[in-house]
Protein backbone atom coordinates (compact mmCIF):
# COMPACT_ATOMS: atom_id res chain seq x y z
CA UNK A 1 0.03 0.06 -0.11
CA UNK A 2 1.36 3.42 -1.00
CA UNK A 3 1.13 6.23 1.62
CA UNK A 4 0.23 9.67 0.40
CA UNK A 5 1.98 12.85 1.74
CA UNK A 6 -0.61 15.26 2.85
CA UNK A 7 1.02 18.56 1.72
CA UNK A 8 -1.78 20.64 3.14
CA UNK A 9 -0.25 20.42 6.64
CA UNK A 10 3.14 21.99 7.36
CA UNK A 11 5.96 19.44 8.22
CA UNK A 12 7.12 20.05 11.79
CA UNK A 13 10.75 20.86 12.06
CA UNK A 14 12.86 19.83 15.19
CA UNK A 15 12.99 22.54 17.67
CA UNK A 16 16.60 23.47 18.95
CA UNK A 17 16.90 23.40 22.62
CA UNK A 18 16.86 26.92 24.09
CA UNK A 19 20.25 28.25 25.24
CA UNK A 20 20.64 28.52 29.01
CA UNK A 21 20.81 32.28 29.83
CA UNK A 22 21.80 34.34 32.80
CA UNK A 23 18.26 34.67 33.96
CA UNK A 24 17.88 30.92 34.14
CA UNK A 25 20.96 30.64 36.40
CA UNK A 26 19.56 33.38 38.62
CA UNK A 27 16.11 31.82 39.04
CA UNK A 28 17.76 28.39 39.50
CA UNK A 29 19.72 29.49 42.57
CA UNK A 30 17.49 32.39 43.90
CA UNK A 31 19.68 35.32 43.26
CA UNK A 32 19.47 38.29 40.99
CA UNK A 33 20.70 38.49 37.35
CA UNK A 34 23.31 41.19 38.41
CA UNK A 35 24.68 38.76 41.03
CA UNK A 36 25.17 35.98 38.43
CA UNK A 37 26.92 38.58 36.21
CA UNK A 38 29.34 39.58 38.94
CA UNK A 39 30.14 35.85 39.61
CA UNK A 40 30.91 35.34 35.90
CA UNK A 41 33.23 38.33 35.96
CA UNK A 42 35.03 36.99 39.00
CA UNK A 43 34.17 40.20 41.06
CA UNK A 44 35.14 40.13 44.64
CA UNK A 45 31.90 41.89 45.57
CA UNK A 46 30.00 38.37 45.79
CA UNK A 47 30.41 36.42 49.19
CA UNK A 48 32.01 32.89 48.92
CA UNK A 49 28.68 31.14 49.82
CA UNK A 50 26.62 32.87 47.19
CA UNK A 51 29.44 32.47 44.66
CA UNK A 52 29.56 28.74 45.27
CA UNK A 53 25.76 28.38 44.87
CA UNK A 54 25.84 30.25 41.53
CA UNK A 55 28.73 28.30 40.21
CA UNK A 56 27.12 25.04 41.18
CA UNK A 57 24.02 26.06 39.15
CA UNK A 58 26.17 26.92 36.23
CA UNK A 59 27.82 23.61 36.30
CA UNK A 60 24.35 21.82 36.70
CA UNK A 61 22.78 23.82 33.71
CA UNK A 62 25.65 23.53 31.31
CA UNK A 63 25.76 27.32 30.85
CA UNK A 64 28.60 28.77 28.84
CA UNK A 65 29.68 32.39 29.40
CA UNK A 66 30.21 34.11 25.96
CA UNK A 67 32.93 36.56 27.06
CA UNK A 68 33.20 38.13 23.64
CA UNK A 69 29.41 38.91 23.40
CA UNK A 70 29.68 40.34 27.06
CA UNK A 71 32.59 42.55 25.97
CA UNK A 72 30.47 43.87 23.03
CA UNK A 73 27.41 44.62 25.31
CA UNK A 74 29.63 46.49 27.73
CA UNK A 75 31.85 47.99 24.93
CA UNK A 76 34.82 46.99 27.04
CA UNK A 77 37.43 44.15 27.00
CA UNK A 78 39.06 42.22 29.70
CA UNK A 79 42.23 41.94 27.87
CA UNK A 80 45.10 44.43 27.95
CA UNK A 81 47.93 44.27 25.26
CA UNK A 82 51.65 44.50 26.06
CA UNK A 83 54.14 44.89 23.16
CA UNK A 84 57.78 44.77 23.91
CA UNK A 85 60.80 45.41 21.73
CA UNK A 86 62.81 42.27 22.74
CA UNK A 87 61.25 39.45 24.47
CA UNK A 88 64.55 37.53 24.51
CA UNK A 89 65.86 40.04 27.04
CA UNK A 90 65.21 38.77 30.49
CA UNK A 91 64.46 42.40 31.59
CA UNK A 92 61.22 42.19 29.51
CA UNK A 93 60.29 38.76 30.87
CA UNK A 94 60.45 40.23 34.40
CA UNK A 95 58.58 43.40 33.29
CA UNK A 96 55.89 41.27 31.67
CA UNK A 97 55.59 39.24 34.83
CA UNK A 98 54.92 42.30 36.77
CA UNK A 99 52.22 43.55 34.24
CA UNK A 100 50.51 40.17 34.24
CA UNK A 101 50.39 40.03 38.06
CA UNK A 102 48.65 43.46 38.37
CA UNK A 103 46.39 42.64 35.60
CA UNK A 104 45.18 39.29 37.06
CA UNK A 105 44.61 40.96 40.41
CA UNK A 106 42.18 43.36 38.60
CA UNK A 107 40.50 40.65 36.59
CA UNK A 108 42.22 41.27 33.26
CA UNK A 109 44.12 39.00 30.95
CA UNK A 110 47.39 39.89 29.14
CA UNK A 111 47.87 39.81 25.39
CA UNK A 112 51.62 39.79 24.65
CA UNK A 113 53.51 40.59 21.52
CA UNK A 114 57.25 41.12 20.73
CA UNK A 115 58.65 43.11 17.85
CA UNK A 116 62.32 42.18 17.81
CA UNK A 117 63.32 45.77 17.37
CA UNK A 118 61.70 45.86 14.09
CA UNK A 119 59.29 48.83 13.24
CA UNK A 120 57.53 46.73 10.60
CA UNK A 121 57.01 43.76 12.78
CA UNK A 122 55.66 46.31 15.55
CA UNK A 123 53.09 47.61 13.12
CA UNK A 124 52.00 44.12 12.18
CA UNK A 125 51.83 42.98 15.86
CA UNK A 126 49.78 46.07 16.83
CA UNK A 127 47.38 45.63 13.89
CA UNK A 128 46.76 42.15 14.87
CA UNK A 129 46.27 42.84 18.57
CA UNK A 130 43.82 45.62 17.73
CA UNK A 131 41.59 43.03 16.04
CA UNK A 132 41.17 41.50 19.54
CA UNK A 133 39.93 44.90 20.80
CA UNK A 134 41.98 45.16 23.90
CA UNK A 135 40.94 47.65 26.67
CA UNK A 136 44.35 49.33 26.82
CA UNK A 137 47.90 49.04 25.60
CA UNK A 138 51.47 49.10 27.14
CA UNK A 139 54.08 49.64 24.43
CA UNK A 140 57.96 49.54 24.69
CA UNK A 141 58.61 50.90 21.24
CA UNK A 142 61.10 49.32 18.88
CA UNK A 143 64.18 51.28 17.78
CA UNK A 144 63.53 53.63 14.84
CA UNK A 145 59.80 53.73 15.57
CA UNK A 146 57.84 56.39 13.69
CA UNK A 147 55.63 58.14 16.13
CA UNK A 148 53.22 59.53 13.54
CA UNK A 149 52.76 56.11 12.14
CA UNK A 150 51.91 54.78 15.58
CA UNK A 151 49.53 57.65 16.18
CA UNK A 152 47.72 56.84 12.84
CA UNK A 153 47.46 53.20 13.79
CA UNK A 154 46.39 53.44 17.40
CA UNK A 155 44.59 56.82 17.29
CA UNK A 156 42.24 57.25 20.22
CA UNK A 157 41.10 53.65 20.35
CA UNK A 158 42.26 52.86 23.84
CA UNK A 159 44.42 54.27 26.71
CA UNK A 160 48.05 53.85 25.93
CA UNK A 161 51.20 53.75 28.17
CA UNK A 162 54.61 54.13 26.57
CA UNK A 163 57.40 52.50 28.51
CA UNK A 164 61.12 53.66 28.49
CA UNK A 165 61.58 54.86 25.03
CA UNK A 166 59.83 58.31 24.39
CA UNK A 167 57.94 58.78 21.16
CA UNK A 168 58.12 62.52 20.01
CA UNK A 169 54.72 64.14 19.89
CA UNK A 170 52.96 61.18 21.53
CA UNK A 171 53.20 62.82 24.98
CA UNK A 172 50.14 64.82 24.14
CA UNK A 173 47.91 61.79 24.24
CA UNK A 174 49.71 58.83 25.97
CA UNK A 175 51.12 58.26 29.38
CA UNK A 176 54.86 57.60 29.60
CA UNK A 177 56.76 55.56 32.30
CA UNK A 178 60.44 56.39 31.94
CA UNK A 179 63.57 54.86 33.67
CA UNK A 180 65.99 57.42 35.09
CA UNK A 181 68.39 56.69 32.19
CA UNK A 182 70.56 59.80 32.44
CA UNK A 183 71.18 59.55 36.14
CA UNK A 184 71.69 55.80 36.11
CA UNK A 185 74.39 56.00 33.35
CA UNK A 186 76.07 58.82 35.19
CA UNK A 187 76.23 56.66 38.35
CA UNK A 188 77.90 53.87 36.41
CA UNK A 189 80.39 56.23 34.80
CA UNK A 190 81.31 57.85 38.10
CA UNK A 191 81.89 54.48 39.62
CA UNK A 192 84.37 53.62 36.95
CA UNK A 193 86.01 56.94 37.31
CA UNK A 194 86.28 56.40 41.14
CA UNK A 195 88.15 53.14 40.37
CA UNK A 196 90.89 55.13 38.49
CA UNK A 197 89.73 54.55 34.95
CA UNK A 198 89.88 57.27 32.34
CA UNK A 199 89.63 55.33 28.99
CA UNK A 200 85.92 54.49 29.21
CA UNK A 201 83.68 53.63 26.19
CA UNK A 202 79.93 53.69 25.94
CA UNK A 203 78.93 50.39 24.22
CA UNK A 204 75.51 49.45 22.65
CA UNK A 205 72.16 50.92 21.60
CA UNK A 206 71.45 53.33 18.82
CA UNK A 207 71.76 57.12 19.14
CA UNK A 208 68.21 57.73 17.77
CA UNK A 209 66.72 55.87 20.67
CA UNK A 210 65.64 58.08 23.46
CA UNK A 211 66.93 55.84 26.24
CA UNK A 212 70.28 55.36 24.42
CA UNK A 213 70.53 59.11 24.07
CA UNK A 214 69.76 59.74 27.84
CA UNK A 215 72.27 57.15 28.93
CA UNK A 216 74.95 58.60 26.65
CA UNK A 217 74.17 61.86 28.11
CA UNK A 218 74.66 60.73 31.66
CA UNK A 219 77.94 59.14 30.54
CA UNK A 220 79.13 62.44 29.04
CA UNK A 221 77.96 64.34 32.13
CA UNK A 222 80.32 62.18 34.37
CA UNK A 223 83.23 62.43 32.05
CA UNK A 224 82.96 66.12 31.67
CA UNK A 225 82.55 66.68 35.31
CA UNK A 226 85.88 64.88 35.73
CA UNK A 227 87.47 67.02 33.11
CA UNK A 228 87.56 64.22 30.43
CA UNK A 229 86.44 64.81 26.81
CA UNK A 230 84.48 61.90 25.46
CA UNK A 231 86.34 60.08 22.55
CA UNK A 232 83.86 59.76 19.62
CA UNK A 233 85.48 56.33 18.45
CA UNK A 234 84.49 55.04 21.88
CA UNK A 235 80.80 55.46 21.29
CA UNK A 236 80.04 52.14 19.68
CA UNK A 237 76.57 51.54 18.46
CA UNK A 238 74.79 48.07 18.08
CA UNK A 239 71.50 46.53 18.45
CA UNK A 240 70.96 46.07 22.21
CA UNK A 241 71.12 42.38 22.25
CA UNK A 242 73.58 39.83 23.72
CA UNK A 243 74.43 38.28 20.26
CA UNK A 244 75.04 41.63 18.54
CA UNK A 245 77.08 43.02 21.37
CA UNK A 246 79.43 40.07 21.12
CA UNK A 247 79.84 40.50 17.37
CA UNK A 248 80.66 44.25 17.71
CA UNK A 249 83.30 43.71 20.48
CA UNK A 250 86.16 44.29 17.96
CA UNK A 251 84.99 47.89 17.32
CA UNK A 252 86.28 48.89 20.77
CA UNK A 253 89.69 47.79 19.75
CA UNK A 254 89.72 48.90 16.01
CA UNK A 255 92.18 51.75 16.73
CA UNK A 256 94.58 52.99 19.27
CA UNK A 257 94.41 53.97 21.93
CA UNK A 258 91.61 51.40 22.97
CA UNK A 259 89.35 51.84 25.96
CA UNK A 260 89.92 49.83 29.08
CA UNK A 261 86.52 50.04 30.41
CA UNK A 262 82.92 50.30 29.14
CA UNK A 263 79.54 51.67 30.29
CA UNK A 264 77.10 49.27 28.51
CA UNK A 265 73.61 50.29 27.38
CA UNK A 266 71.94 47.52 29.25
CA UNK A 267 72.76 44.04 30.79
CA UNK A 268 72.22 42.03 27.73
CA UNK A 269 74.78 44.24 25.94
CA UNK A 270 77.25 43.85 28.88
CA UNK A 271 76.93 40.13 28.93
CA UNK A 272 77.36 39.93 25.19
CA UNK A 273 80.54 42.18 25.55
CA UNK A 274 81.98 39.86 28.23
CA UNK A 275 81.48 36.84 25.77
CA UNK A 276 83.13 39.01 23.07
CA UNK A 277 86.17 39.69 25.24
CA UNK A 278 86.46 36.16 26.10
CA UNK A 279 86.63 35.24 22.41
CA UNK A 280 89.47 37.71 22.04
CA UNK A 281 91.38 36.30 25.03
CA UNK A 282 90.46 38.94 27.44
CA UNK A 283 88.41 38.63 30.72
CA UNK A 284 85.84 41.13 32.00
CA UNK A 285 86.78 42.06 35.64
CA UNK A 286 90.28 41.06 34.96
CA UNK A 287 91.79 43.16 32.23
CA UNK A 288 88.69 45.01 31.09
CA UNK A 289 85.95 46.39 33.28
CA UNK A 290 82.35 47.13 32.47
CA UNK A 291 78.95 47.89 33.85
CA UNK A 292 75.43 47.02 32.69
CA UNK A 293 71.97 48.63 33.05
CA UNK A 294 68.81 46.82 34.28
CA UNK A 295 69.88 44.30 37.01
CA UNK A 296 68.30 41.32 35.41
CA UNK A 297 68.34 38.09 37.47
CA UNK A 298 71.38 36.77 35.57
CA UNK A 299 73.51 39.79 36.46
CA UNK A 300 74.24 38.71 40.01
CA UNK A 301 75.24 34.97 38.83
CA UNK A 302 77.12 35.85 35.80
CA UNK A 303 80.85 35.24 35.57
CA UNK A 304 81.98 37.72 36.85
CA UNK A 305 78.93 39.07 38.51
CA UNK A 306 77.87 42.21 36.71
CA UNK A 307 78.02 45.78 38.18
CA UNK A 308 74.84 47.40 37.01
CA UNK A 309 72.02 49.94 37.27
CA UNK A 310 69.08 48.31 39.14
CA UNK A 311 65.62 49.48 37.96
CA UNK A 312 63.56 46.66 39.23
CA UNK A 313 61.88 45.40 35.97
CA UNK A 314 59.14 43.34 37.74
CA UNK A 315 58.18 46.49 39.99
CA UNK A 316 58.05 48.69 36.82
CA UNK A 317 55.69 46.10 35.21
CA UNK A 318 53.44 46.40 38.22
CA UNK A 319 53.68 50.16 38.01
CA UNK A 320 52.85 50.37 34.39
CA UNK A 321 49.83 48.10 34.74
CA UNK A 322 48.55 50.07 37.67
CA UNK A 323 48.96 53.39 35.82
CA UNK A 324 46.94 51.84 32.98
CA UNK A 325 44.34 50.37 35.20
CA UNK A 326 43.77 53.86 36.83
CA UNK A 327 42.88 55.14 33.37
CA UNK A 328 40.52 52.23 32.75
CA UNK A 329 38.94 53.08 36.15
CA UNK A 330 38.13 56.46 34.96
CA UNK A 331 41.27 58.63 35.55
CA UNK A 332 40.86 61.55 33.14
CA UNK A 333 44.00 63.49 34.13
CA UNK A 334 46.06 64.73 31.30
CA UNK A 335 48.85 62.40 30.09
CA UNK A 336 51.56 62.27 32.55
CA UNK A 337 55.24 61.33 32.66
CA UNK A 338 56.45 59.19 35.51
CA UNK A 339 60.22 58.45 36.10
CA UNK A 340 61.27 55.35 37.99
CA UNK A 341 64.36 55.49 40.08
CA UNK A 342 67.80 53.91 39.34
CA UNK A 343 70.51 52.77 41.77
CA UNK A 344 74.09 51.46 41.33
CA UNK A 345 74.78 47.85 42.42
CA UNK A 346 78.51 47.19 42.36
CA UNK A 347 79.88 43.68 41.65
CA UNK A 348 83.04 42.19 40.25
CA UNK A 349 82.78 43.03 36.62
CA UNK A 350 83.87 46.60 37.46
CA UNK A 351 86.68 45.63 40.02
CA UNK A 352 90.16 44.81 38.84
CA UNK A 353 91.75 42.14 41.19
CA UNK A 354 94.11 44.76 42.74
CA UNK A 355 90.94 46.61 44.01
CA UNK A 356 89.03 45.34 46.93
CA UNK A 357 85.48 44.04 45.98
CA UNK A 358 82.83 46.51 47.30
CA UNK A 359 79.56 44.98 48.32
CA UNK A 360 76.25 46.73 48.32
CA UNK A 361 75.11 49.75 46.22
CA UNK A 362 75.14 53.47 46.10
CA UNK A 363 72.55 56.05 45.16
């Protein structure tokens, strides 16, 4: 027998199960919708007992929190972007750790990018991060960054804090957290002068970087105060990485007279220079003395331990994040410049064997 299909009646379609909503969770555990929302955002305003009851109902119902949709509704994001110029440098690993700790405490997550000192890579990284709509940005600019290009890309999309390297013209719109570069480099140079050295080079970094310009200025300040004219050939430029510093070591000895000491742009450069010296049969702290800048964890355990300028990178990360969180919290003050302190930590790399090893630091 053949069955005939009655086309006069609509064919029923299976009904998709209704998605569990916040209001269902609220009704299921006897709380308000706003309380459920606070629990979903990990707010500390909900007491532990209520939080546990809401979380149990969420688990029972299979509710899934759509964080992206929530961000669109609030026109905010729970992410903050951090873009650094050299993630291989332990300084930035420490700095990023501080940023992440402060953000986590405030309920934000960290989006991290690294430019490898390339302005083109920086532009690509920032463009990609913007697609994720972060609430704010901390930027340690790559060398040779073009401020106008960054302003066009970032515009007024979000609060921005620039770290360590200044961007000409950006101070009108963005906060800036600086290290006390000039004073720190002066302390390092004065320390070498106090050890009796006069033939002192400045090694690493590029002159168009604001942080390098400031550190060179501190180096010159100390030499000029001691009545010593800086020797142009002893200002050696290189990308501020360990590998490049090791490669450029020969530039210090390209002509006579050669320096016997160096104030290095940062610790990575100082450690690279120590390796370059070893490859040439010389030893840091034995027949050539040097200082770094940053006081990364490795500085105290290198061979020899590195005299350096301590700027507390993890604390600077905490500070940068908290300054930005204040902006997100409604701080509408005009963009501000904050300068973090620097202090000298003396170790064996700047002490020739005939001199006693001085422990501690000076400011």
